[in-house]
N, C-alpha and C. Protein backbone atom coordinates (compact mmCIF):
# COMPACT_ATOMS: atom_id res chain seq x y z
N MET A 1 149.86 130.32 117.79
CA MET A 1 150.40 129.51 116.92
C MET A 1 151.43 130.33 115.91
N LYS A 2 152.28 129.44 115.51
CA LYS A 2 153.40 129.89 114.36
C LYS A 2 153.12 129.57 113.12
N LYS A 3 153.65 130.01 112.05
CA LYS A 3 153.29 129.59 110.60
C LYS A 3 154.96 129.26 110.14
N CYS A 4 155.02 128.15 109.63
CA CYS A 4 156.09 127.56 109.29
C CYS A 4 156.53 128.35 108.17
N PRO A 5 157.98 128.92 108.05
CA PRO A 5 158.57 129.52 107.14
C PRO A 5 158.75 128.94 105.68
N ARG A 6 158.83 127.52 105.96
CA ARG A 6 158.88 126.64 104.71
C ARG A 6 157.65 126.17 104.02
N CYS A 7 156.57 125.79 104.73
CA CYS A 7 155.50 125.13 104.34
C CYS A 7 154.18 125.58 104.47
N GLY A 8 154.28 126.74 105.28
CA GLY A 8 153.05 127.54 105.83
C GLY A 8 152.38 126.75 106.84
N THR A 9 152.42 125.96 107.16
CA THR A 9 151.74 125.10 108.34
C THR A 9 151.61 125.77 109.77
N ARG A 10 150.49 125.81 110.22
CA ARG A 10 150.50 126.53 111.46
C ARG A 10 150.58 125.44 112.81
N PHE A 11 151.54 125.87 113.39
CA PHE A 11 151.62 124.71 114.48
C PHE A 11 152.37 125.67 115.80
N ASP A 12 152.27 124.66 117.09
CA ASP A 12 153.00 125.11 118.24
C ASP A 12 154.13 124.48 118.45
N GLY A 13 155.29 124.87 118.99
CA GLY A 13 156.20 124.08 119.11
C GLY A 13 157.43 124.66 118.46
N ALA A 14 158.67 123.88 118.48
CA ALA A 14 159.97 124.11 117.90
C ALA A 14 159.88 123.79 116.47
N LEU A 15 159.31 122.69 116.19
CA LEU A 15 159.68 122.03 114.77
C LEU A 15 158.21 121.94 114.32
N CYS A 16 158.16 122.25 112.75
CA CYS A 16 156.94 121.96 111.90
C CYS A 16 156.78 120.64 112.02
N PRO A 17 155.31 120.23 112.32
CA PRO A 17 155.04 118.70 112.33
C PRO A 17 155.03 118.27 110.81
N ARG A 18 154.93 118.99 109.98
CA ARG A 18 154.72 118.61 108.34
C ARG A 18 156.06 118.49 107.78
N CYS A 19 157.18 119.36 107.87
CA CYS A 19 158.33 119.22 107.15
C CYS A 19 159.60 119.45 107.81
N ARG A 20 159.35 119.56 109.40
CA ARG A 20 160.44 119.46 110.34
C ARG A 20 161.25 120.82 110.23
N ALA A 21 160.89 121.74 109.67
CA ALA A 21 161.47 123.06 109.78
C ALA A 21 161.42 123.79 111.01
N GLU A 22 162.45 124.45 111.39
CA GLU A 22 162.46 125.07 112.79
C GLU A 22 161.71 126.26 112.69
N ALA A 23 160.96 126.63 114.00
CA ALA A 23 159.97 127.71 113.94
C ALA A 23 160.95 128.83 114.00
N ASP A 24 160.66 130.02 113.37
CA ASP A 24 161.12 131.37 113.67
C ASP A 24 160.62 131.84 114.96
N ASN A 25 161.35 131.76 115.91
CA ASN A 25 160.75 132.58 117.14
C ASN A 25 161.04 134.06 117.45
N ALA A 26 161.85 134.78 116.59
CA ALA A 26 162.00 135.83 116.50
C ALA A 26 160.84 136.92 116.18
N PRO A 27 160.62 137.92 117.08
CA PRO A 27 159.52 138.87 116.90
C PRO A 27 159.76 139.72 115.72
N PRO A 28 158.79 140.23 115.27
CA PRO A 28 159.11 140.74 113.86
C PRO A 28 159.65 142.28 114.02
N PRO A 29 160.54 142.76 113.11
CA PRO A 29 161.12 143.73 113.52
C PRO A 29 160.26 145.01 113.67
N LEU A 30 160.57 145.83 114.32
CA LEU A 30 159.82 147.13 114.71
C LEU A 30 160.60 148.47 114.28
N VAL A 31 159.81 149.36 113.93
CA VAL A 31 160.42 150.74 113.31
C VAL A 31 159.75 151.59 113.93
N GLU A 32 160.35 152.57 114.44
CA GLU A 32 159.81 153.81 114.99
C GLU A 32 159.41 154.77 113.94
N VAL A 33 157.99 155.14 114.00
CA VAL A 33 157.31 155.91 113.05
C VAL A 33 156.92 157.28 113.66
N TYR A 34 157.03 157.56 114.73
CA TYR A 34 156.46 158.86 115.18
C TYR A 34 157.15 158.99 116.78
N VAL A 35 157.37 160.28 117.07
CA VAL A 35 157.59 160.87 118.46
C VAL A 35 156.71 161.60 119.00
N ALA A 36 155.81 161.31 120.09
CA ALA A 36 154.72 162.13 120.34
C ALA A 36 155.38 162.94 121.64
N HIS A 37 154.89 163.94 121.53
CA HIS A 37 155.33 164.89 122.79
C HIS A 37 153.98 165.12 123.85
N GLY A 38 154.16 163.92 124.43
CA GLY A 38 152.93 163.60 125.44
C GLY A 38 152.06 162.43 125.38
N GLU A 39 151.35 162.09 126.37
CA GLU A 39 150.57 160.89 126.27
C GLU A 39 149.30 161.09 125.38
N ILE A 40 148.59 162.36 125.42
CA ILE A 40 147.57 162.51 124.65
C ILE A 40 147.79 162.56 123.12
N ASP A 41 148.79 163.02 122.79
CA ASP A 41 149.34 162.98 121.33
C ASP A 41 149.78 161.41 121.02
N ALA A 42 150.25 160.99 121.91
CA ALA A 42 150.64 159.45 121.49
C ALA A 42 149.22 158.64 121.47
N GLN A 43 148.28 158.62 122.09
CA GLN A 43 147.25 157.96 122.07
C GLN A 43 146.19 158.35 120.73
N VAL A 44 146.45 159.38 120.25
CA VAL A 44 145.40 159.88 119.17
C VAL A 44 146.08 159.34 118.10
N VAL A 45 147.62 159.13 117.76
CA VAL A 45 148.03 158.73 116.75
C VAL A 45 147.78 157.19 116.88
N ARG A 46 148.02 156.53 118.06
CA ARG A 46 147.83 155.01 118.13
C ARG A 46 146.25 154.68 117.72
N SER A 47 145.46 155.55 118.27
CA SER A 47 143.99 155.40 117.78
C SER A 47 143.77 155.33 116.17
N LEU A 48 144.45 156.25 115.57
CA LEU A 48 144.52 156.25 114.14
C LEU A 48 144.96 155.16 113.63
N LEU A 49 146.11 154.83 113.92
CA LEU A 49 146.71 153.32 113.35
C LEU A 49 145.88 152.33 113.58
N ASP A 50 145.47 152.17 114.85
CA ASP A 50 144.37 150.86 115.43
C ASP A 50 143.46 151.09 114.34
N ALA A 51 142.68 152.04 114.20
CA ALA A 51 141.47 152.24 113.05
C ALA A 51 141.67 151.85 111.73
N HIS A 52 142.90 151.70 111.42
CA HIS A 52 143.19 151.00 110.39
C HIS A 52 144.01 149.64 110.19
N GLY A 53 143.80 149.24 111.43
CA GLY A 53 144.56 147.68 111.45
C GLY A 53 145.91 147.74 111.59
N ILE A 54 146.56 148.67 111.99
CA ILE A 54 147.91 148.81 112.26
C ILE A 54 148.24 148.56 113.68
N ASP A 55 148.92 147.49 114.09
CA ASP A 55 149.38 147.52 115.66
C ASP A 55 150.60 148.52 116.02
N CYS A 56 150.29 149.04 117.04
CA CYS A 56 151.33 150.14 117.42
C CYS A 56 151.80 149.80 118.64
N PHE A 57 153.03 149.99 119.06
CA PHE A 57 153.58 149.90 120.32
C PHE A 57 154.10 151.19 120.79
N LEU A 58 154.04 151.60 122.08
CA LEU A 58 154.63 152.80 122.66
C LEU A 58 155.74 152.55 123.63
N THR A 59 156.72 153.27 123.72
CA THR A 59 157.63 153.34 124.76
C THR A 59 157.91 154.55 125.29
N GLY A 60 158.15 154.91 126.18
CA GLY A 60 158.58 156.18 126.92
C GLY A 60 158.79 156.19 128.49
N GLU A 61 158.99 157.10 129.01
CA GLU A 61 159.25 157.40 130.59
C GLU A 61 157.88 157.03 131.24
N SER A 62 157.88 156.56 132.39
CA SER A 62 156.53 156.34 133.16
C SER A 62 155.93 157.77 133.51
N ILE A 63 157.03 158.62 133.82
CA ILE A 63 156.47 160.12 134.10
C ILE A 63 155.56 160.57 132.94
N ARG A 64 155.38 160.14 131.84
CA ARG A 64 154.50 160.66 130.82
C ARG A 64 153.00 160.57 131.06
N ARG A 65 152.80 159.34 131.95
CA ARG A 65 151.45 159.21 132.35
C ARG A 65 151.00 160.20 133.46
N THR A 66 151.92 160.34 134.42
CA THR A 66 151.51 160.98 135.50
C THR A 66 151.58 162.70 135.32
N PHE A 67 152.46 163.15 134.55
CA PHE A 67 152.20 164.45 134.40
C PHE A 67 151.83 165.04 132.91
N GLY A 68 151.98 164.26 131.76
CA GLY A 68 151.54 164.72 130.61
C GLY A 68 152.23 165.99 129.88
N LEU A 69 153.45 166.13 130.24
CA LEU A 69 154.16 166.90 129.64
C LEU A 69 155.39 166.47 129.21
N THR A 70 156.33 167.17 128.35
CA THR A 70 157.43 166.96 127.96
C THR A 70 158.54 168.06 128.06
N VAL A 71 159.57 167.54 128.87
CA VAL A 71 160.69 168.58 129.15
C VAL A 71 161.85 167.99 128.74
N ASP A 72 162.64 168.53 127.88
CA ASP A 72 163.83 167.88 127.42
C ASP A 72 163.91 166.54 127.25
N GLY A 73 162.71 165.97 126.36
CA GLY A 73 162.53 164.54 126.03
C GLY A 73 161.97 163.71 127.14
N LEU A 74 161.86 164.30 128.44
CA LEU A 74 161.17 163.51 129.30
C LEU A 74 159.84 163.56 129.26
N GLY A 75 159.12 162.45 129.03
CA GLY A 75 157.58 162.56 128.55
C GLY A 75 157.42 162.30 127.26
N GLU A 76 158.34 162.24 126.44
CA GLU A 76 158.21 161.77 124.92
C GLU A 76 157.76 160.24 125.16
N VAL A 77 156.82 160.07 123.84
CA VAL A 77 156.44 158.87 123.68
C VAL A 77 156.76 158.54 122.32
N ARG A 78 157.49 157.19 122.23
CA ARG A 78 157.93 156.78 120.76
C ARG A 78 156.71 155.82 120.20
N LEU A 79 156.39 155.78 119.13
CA LEU A 79 155.53 154.83 118.46
C LEU A 79 156.16 153.92 117.58
N PHE A 80 156.03 152.57 117.62
CA PHE A 80 156.67 151.77 116.69
C PHE A 80 155.51 150.70 116.03
N VAL A 81 155.88 150.43 114.75
CA VAL A 81 155.11 149.64 114.13
C VAL A 81 155.77 148.58 113.54
N ARG A 82 155.33 147.34 113.27
CA ARG A 82 156.10 146.44 112.53
C ARG A 82 156.71 146.89 110.90
N ALA A 83 157.64 146.42 110.91
CA ALA A 83 158.45 146.84 109.69
C ALA A 83 157.39 146.87 108.33
N ALA A 84 156.76 145.99 108.05
CA ALA A 84 155.57 145.69 107.04
C ALA A 84 154.73 146.70 107.02
N ASP A 85 154.33 147.29 108.16
CA ASP A 85 153.24 148.49 108.13
C ASP A 85 153.81 149.74 108.12
N GLU A 86 155.17 150.02 108.13
CA GLU A 86 155.74 151.15 108.14
C GLU A 86 155.25 152.34 107.22
N GLU A 87 155.25 151.88 105.93
CA GLU A 87 154.66 153.06 104.95
C GLU A 87 153.29 153.49 105.17
N ALA A 88 152.56 152.69 105.47
CA ALA A 88 151.25 152.79 105.63
C ALA A 88 150.95 153.71 106.85
N ALA A 89 151.83 153.34 108.03
CA ALA A 89 151.71 154.03 109.23
C ALA A 89 152.02 155.46 108.83
N ARG A 90 153.24 155.58 108.27
CA ARG A 90 153.70 156.92 108.07
C ARG A 90 152.84 157.79 107.21
N ASP A 91 152.13 157.37 106.18
CA ASP A 91 151.10 157.95 105.37
C ASP A 91 149.98 158.36 106.23
N LEU A 92 149.47 157.57 107.06
CA LEU A 92 148.45 157.95 108.10
C LEU A 92 148.92 159.15 108.88
N ILE A 93 150.02 158.92 109.62
CA ILE A 93 150.44 160.16 110.34
C ILE A 93 150.50 161.23 109.59
N ALA A 94 151.24 161.26 108.58
CA ALA A 94 151.26 162.27 107.64
C ALA A 94 149.90 163.28 107.27
N SER A 95 149.06 162.32 106.84
CA SER A 95 147.76 162.90 106.38
C SER A 95 147.00 163.66 107.73
N ARG A 96 147.28 163.34 108.90
CA ARG A 96 146.53 163.99 110.22
C ARG A 96 147.44 165.52 110.33
N GLU A 97 148.72 165.46 110.04
CA GLU A 97 149.37 166.98 110.33
C GLU A 97 149.16 167.86 109.54
N PRO A 98 149.07 169.05 110.07
CA PRO A 98 148.74 170.34 109.14
C PRO A 98 149.75 170.62 108.13
């Protein structure tokens, strides 16, 4: 369900049934908050963010799951969060680093 940007009504479809405003179909903007050097590091950080209610999205080469190593960027995993969660995510990530 979408939330109307004008009146806050939740609905499905292109127009709000209450005020006829158009739905905002654009996904929320994502911000890169961390570059992991391998799948294990990425999953540890993802678990930390998930435990604090922050949705995390991973991107990277498929080879990262096969070999679990990073060579010249191959195997890097980039972690993204919604822009609204960026500050909290960066604080959590910083708190785990020595």
